[in-house]
Amino acid sequence: MKSLESLITTCIELGATRAMVNLGVTSGEISQRQAEKVYGSWFKMAASSRRILPVRTGNGNSATKWYSVTEILGLRAQDELRAELTNN
């Protein structure tokens, strides 16, 4: 039941984020460092396995990588749905 609640929450976040991006309220991008703080080890594993790629990278060797929040939430929703189906 916990994974179903998490899936619903992620889908709500995804819808709200898409609405804000479509209305021009936000760019819908998040830095890699901030994404790691917000989404934790799940994001780190998804990024390291290249399941999610940056949408923009700054200049230089230690350039900031920017990720799409809607892509992050979409992938997380897929993972949570897969987990929910596996558990049932």
C-alpha atoms as a PDB file:
ATOM      1  CA  MET A   1       0.000   0.000   0.000  1.00  0.00           C
ATOM      2  CA  LYS A   2       2.914   2.323   0.731  1.00  0.00           C
ATOM      3  CA  SER A   3       4.208   2.064  -2.854  1.00  0.00           C
ATOM      4  CA  LEU A   4       0.735   2.907  -4.189  1.00  0.00           C
ATOM      5  CA  GLU A   5       0.633   6.041  -2.028  1.00  0.00           C
ATOM      6  CA  SER A   6       4.096   6.983  -3.244  1.00  0.00           C
ATOM      7  CA  LEU A   7       3.038   6.440  -6.876  1.00  0.00           C
ATOM      8  CA  ILE A   8      -0.006   8.681  -6.438  1.00  0.00           C
ATOM      9  CA  THR A   9       2.108  11.393  -4.802  1.00  0.00           C
ATOM     10  CA  THR A  10       4.663  11.237  -7.609  1.00  0.00           C
ATOM     11  CA  CYS A  11       1.920  11.504 -10.247  1.00  0.00           C
ATOM     12  CA  ILE A  12       0.450  14.551  -8.498  1.00  0.00           C
ATOM     13  CA  GLU A  13       3.908  16.161  -8.365  1.00  0.00           C
ATOM     14  CA  LEU A  14       4.396  15.367 -12.057  1.00  0.00           C
ATOM     15  CA  GLY A  15       1.085  16.978 -13.011  1.00  0.00           C
ATOM     16  CA  ALA A  16       1.778  20.081 -10.948  1.00  0.00           C
ATOM     17  CA  THR A  17       5.264  20.425 -12.411  1.00  0.00           C
ATOM     18  CA  ARG A  18       4.016  20.069 -15.979  1.00  0.00           C
ATOM     19  CA  ALA A  19       1.357  22.710 -15.321  1.00  0.00           C
ATOM     20  CA  MET A  20       3.927  25.156 -13.928  1.00  0.00           C
ATOM     21  CA  VAL A  21       6.278  24.577 -16.868  1.00  0.00           C
ATOM     22  CA  ASN A  22       3.444  24.991 -19.391  1.00  0.00           C
ATOM     23  CA  LEU A  23       2.361  28.242 -17.727  1.00  0.00           C
ATOM     24  CA  GLY A  24       5.927  29.537 -17.764  1.00  0.00           C
ATOM     25  CA  VAL A  25       6.141  29.769 -13.975  1.00  0.00           C
ATOM     26  CA  THR A  26       9.359  27.717 -13.905  1.00  0.00           C
ATOM     27  CA  SER A  27      11.866  26.273 -16.354  1.00  0.00           C
ATOM     28  CA  GLY A  28      11.297  22.837 -14.841  1.00  0.00           C
ATOM     29  CA  GLU A  29      15.020  22.181 -14.474  1.00  0.00           C
ATOM     30  CA  ILE A  30      16.968  21.203 -11.368  1.00  0.00           C
ATOM     31  CA  SER A  31      20.725  20.964 -10.835  1.00  0.00           C
ATOM     32  CA  GLN A  32      22.272  17.570 -10.229  1.00  0.00           C
ATOM     33  CA  ARG A  33      23.278  18.525  -6.699  1.00  0.00           C
ATOM     34  CA  GLN A  34      19.758  19.698  -5.812  1.00  0.00           C
ATOM     35  CA  ALA A  35      18.196  16.626  -7.468  1.00  0.00           C
ATOM     36  CA  GLU A  36      20.400  14.380  -5.326  1.00  0.00           C
ATOM     37  CA  LYS A  37      19.198  16.216  -2.210  1.00  0.00           C
ATOM     38  CA  VAL A  38      15.525  16.032  -3.208  1.00  0.00           C
ATOM     39  CA  TYR A  39      15.332  12.544  -4.762  1.00  0.00           C
ATOM     40  CA  GLY A  40      18.205  10.864  -2.893  1.00  0.00           C
ATOM     41  CA  SER A  41      19.836   7.575  -3.793  1.00  0.00           C
ATOM     42  CA  TRP A  42      17.131   6.712  -6.338  1.00  0.00           C
ATOM     43  CA  PHE A  43      18.197   9.702  -8.462  1.00  0.00           C
ATOM     44  CA  LYS A  44      21.906   8.946  -8.026  1.00  0.00           C
ATOM     45  CA  MET A  45      21.378   5.388  -9.288  1.00  0.00           C
ATOM     46  CA  ALA A  46      19.178   6.525 -12.198  1.00  0.00           C
ATOM     47  CA  ALA A  47      21.725   9.137 -13.268  1.00  0.00           C
ATOM     48  CA  SER A  48      24.743   6.839 -12.896  1.00  0.00           C
ATOM     49  CA  SER A  49      23.029   4.115 -14.929  1.00  0.00           C
ATOM     50  CA  ARG A  50      22.122   6.780 -17.530  1.00  0.00           C
ATOM     51  CA  ARG A  51      18.404   6.075 -17.195  1.00  0.00           C
ATOM     52  CA  ILE A  52      18.026   9.827 -16.936  1.00  0.00           C
ATOM     53  CA  LEU A  53      20.265  12.281 -18.761  1.00  0.00           C
ATOM     54  CA  PRO A  54      20.918  15.985 -18.233  1.00  0.00           C
ATOM     55  CA  VAL A  55      18.970  18.325 -20.496  1.00  0.00           C
ATOM     56  CA  ARG A  56      21.664  20.996 -20.250  1.00  0.00           C
ATOM     57  CA  THR A  57      25.265  21.185 -19.094  1.00  0.00           C
ATOM     58  CA  GLY A  58      27.229  24.303 -18.233  1.00  0.00           C
ATOM     59  CA  ASN A  59      30.754  25.080 -19.452  1.00  0.00           C
ATOM     60  CA  GLY A  60      34.012  23.780 -18.008  1.00  0.00           C
ATOM     61  CA  ASN A  61      35.272  20.649 -16.305  1.00  0.00           C
ATOM     62  CA  SER A  62      33.089  20.967 -13.230  1.00  0.00           C
ATOM     63  CA  ALA A  63      30.052  22.286 -15.064  1.00  0.00           C
ATOM     64  CA  THR A  64      26.615  22.123 -13.515  1.00  0.00           C
ATOM     65  CA  LYS A  65      24.358  19.472 -15.017  1.00  0.00           C
ATOM     66  CA  TRP A  66      20.669  20.352 -15.241  1.00  0.00           C
ATOM     67  CA  TYR A  67      17.895  17.751 -15.317  1.00  0.00           C
ATOM     68  CA  SER A  68      14.231  18.015 -16.272  1.00  0.00           C
ATOM     69  CA  VAL A  69      12.023  17.617 -13.209  1.00  0.00           C
ATOM     70  CA  THR A  70       9.210  16.183 -15.344  1.00  0.00           C
ATOM     71  CA  GLU A  71      11.572  13.537 -16.731  1.00  0.00           C
ATOM     72  CA  ILE A  72      12.770  12.692 -13.213  1.00  0.00           C
ATOM     73  CA  LEU A  73       9.212  12.374 -11.902  1.00  0.00           C
ATOM     74  CA  GLY A  74       8.086  10.416 -14.970  1.00  0.00           C
ATOM     75  CA  LEU A  75      10.873   7.883 -14.518  1.00  0.00           C
ATOM     76  CA  ARG A  76      10.216   7.648 -10.780  1.00  0.00           C
ATOM     77  CA  ALA A  77       6.501   7.053 -11.461  1.00  0.00           C
ATOM     78  CA  GLN A  78       7.413   4.251 -13.880  1.00  0.00           C
ATOM     79  CA  ASP A  79       9.675   2.654 -11.286  1.00  0.00           C
ATOM     80  CA  GLU A  80       7.022   2.947  -8.580  1.00  0.00           C
ATOM     81  CA  LEU A  81       4.351   1.493 -10.870  1.00  0.00           C
ATOM     82  CA  ARG A  82       6.628  -1.418 -11.736  1.00  0.00           C
ATOM     83  CA  ALA A  83       7.248  -2.005  -8.008  1.00  0.00           C
ATOM     84  CA  GLU A  84       3.513  -1.867  -7.254  1.00  0.00           C
ATOM     85  CA  LEU A  85       2.724  -4.386 -10.010  1.00  0.00           C
ATOM     86  CA  THR A  86       5.517  -6.679  -8.862  1.00  0.00           C
ATOM     87  CA  ASN A  87       4.283  -6.649  -5.256  1.00  0.00           C
ATOM     88  CA  ASN A  88       0.725  -7.580  -6.218  1.00  0.00           C
END
